[in-house]
Protein backbone atom coordinates (compact mmCIF):
# COMPACT_ATOMS: atom_id res chain seq x y z
CA MET A 1 9.60 37.00 17.83
CA HIS A 2 6.33 38.58 17.44
CA GLU A 3 6.03 42.26 16.06
CA PHE A 4 3.31 44.45 15.95
CA LYS A 5 2.73 48.05 14.78
CA VAL A 6 0.62 49.91 17.11
CA GLN A 7 -0.08 53.41 15.67
CA ASP A 8 -2.28 54.55 18.56
CA MET A 9 0.56 53.98 21.08
CA THR A 10 1.84 57.51 21.47
CA CYS A 11 3.38 57.92 24.88
CA SER A 12 5.23 56.22 27.75
CA HIS A 13 1.80 55.62 29.41
CA CYS A 14 0.65 53.79 26.30
CA ALA A 15 3.84 51.76 26.15
CA GLY A 16 3.58 50.71 29.85
CA THR A 17 -0.24 49.60 29.46
CA ILE A 18 0.71 47.55 26.45
CA GLU A 19 3.76 45.99 28.32
CA LYS A 20 1.57 45.24 31.39
CA ALA A 21 -1.04 43.63 29.00
CA VAL A 22 1.70 41.46 27.57
CA ARG A 23 3.33 40.40 30.92
CA ALA A 24 -0.07 39.48 32.26
CA LEU A 25 -0.20 36.88 29.51
CA ASP A 26 3.41 35.94 29.87
CA PRO A 27 5.37 37.20 32.82
CA VAL A 28 8.77 36.09 31.49
CA ALA A 29 8.32 37.35 27.93
CA LYS A 30 11.03 39.76 26.57
CA VAL A 31 9.19 43.06 25.44
CA GLU A 32 10.59 45.80 23.54
CA VAL A 33 8.68 49.01 22.77
CA ASP A 34 9.82 51.58 20.19
CA LEU A 35 7.60 54.69 20.69
CA ALA A 36 9.19 56.47 17.68
CA ASP A 37 8.33 53.60 15.40
CA HIS A 38 5.11 52.66 16.97
CA ALA A 39 6.52 49.06 17.31
CA VAL A 40 6.23 46.40 19.74
CA ARG A 41 8.41 43.33 19.75
CA ILE A 42 7.74 40.33 22.04
CA GLU A 43 9.82 37.28 22.58
CA SER A 44 7.76 34.48 23.89
CA GLY A 45 6.58 30.83 23.13
CA LYS A 46 2.94 31.96 23.46
CA PRO A 47 0.87 32.22 20.30
CA ARG A 48 1.09 35.67 18.39
CA GLU A 49 -2.92 35.82 18.46
CA ALA A 50 -2.85 35.86 22.14
CA PHE A 51 -0.64 38.93 22.37
CA LYS A 52 -2.66 40.58 19.67
CA SER A 53 -5.90 39.86 21.78
CA ALA A 54 -4.27 41.18 24.84
CA ILE A 55 -3.04 44.43 23.38
CA LEU A 56 -6.59 45.03 21.73
CA GLU A 57 -8.23 44.29 25.33
CA ALA A 58 -5.94 46.89 26.62
CA GLY A 59 -7.44 49.52 24.27
CA TYR A 60 -4.96 49.58 21.39
CA SER A 61 -4.96 48.64 17.64
CA PRO A 62 -2.14 46.18 16.93
CA GLU A 63 -1.30 45.52 13.36
CA THR A 64 0.98 42.31 12.53
CA LYS A 65 4.33 43.62 11.12
């Protein structure tokens, strides 16, 4: 499981944008978004850095948890 803290994810639109970026990289990934905790959890066999890059490209600042 990959976990990221995304402080600049503040609303459901942000969460949807991040989830879309993750699914573009891995359509079958399990994605959990916790807006209150600013957390994104991803279950996937793809590397963590690939997801970090995808979230960055979507316009957000992921920090590894």
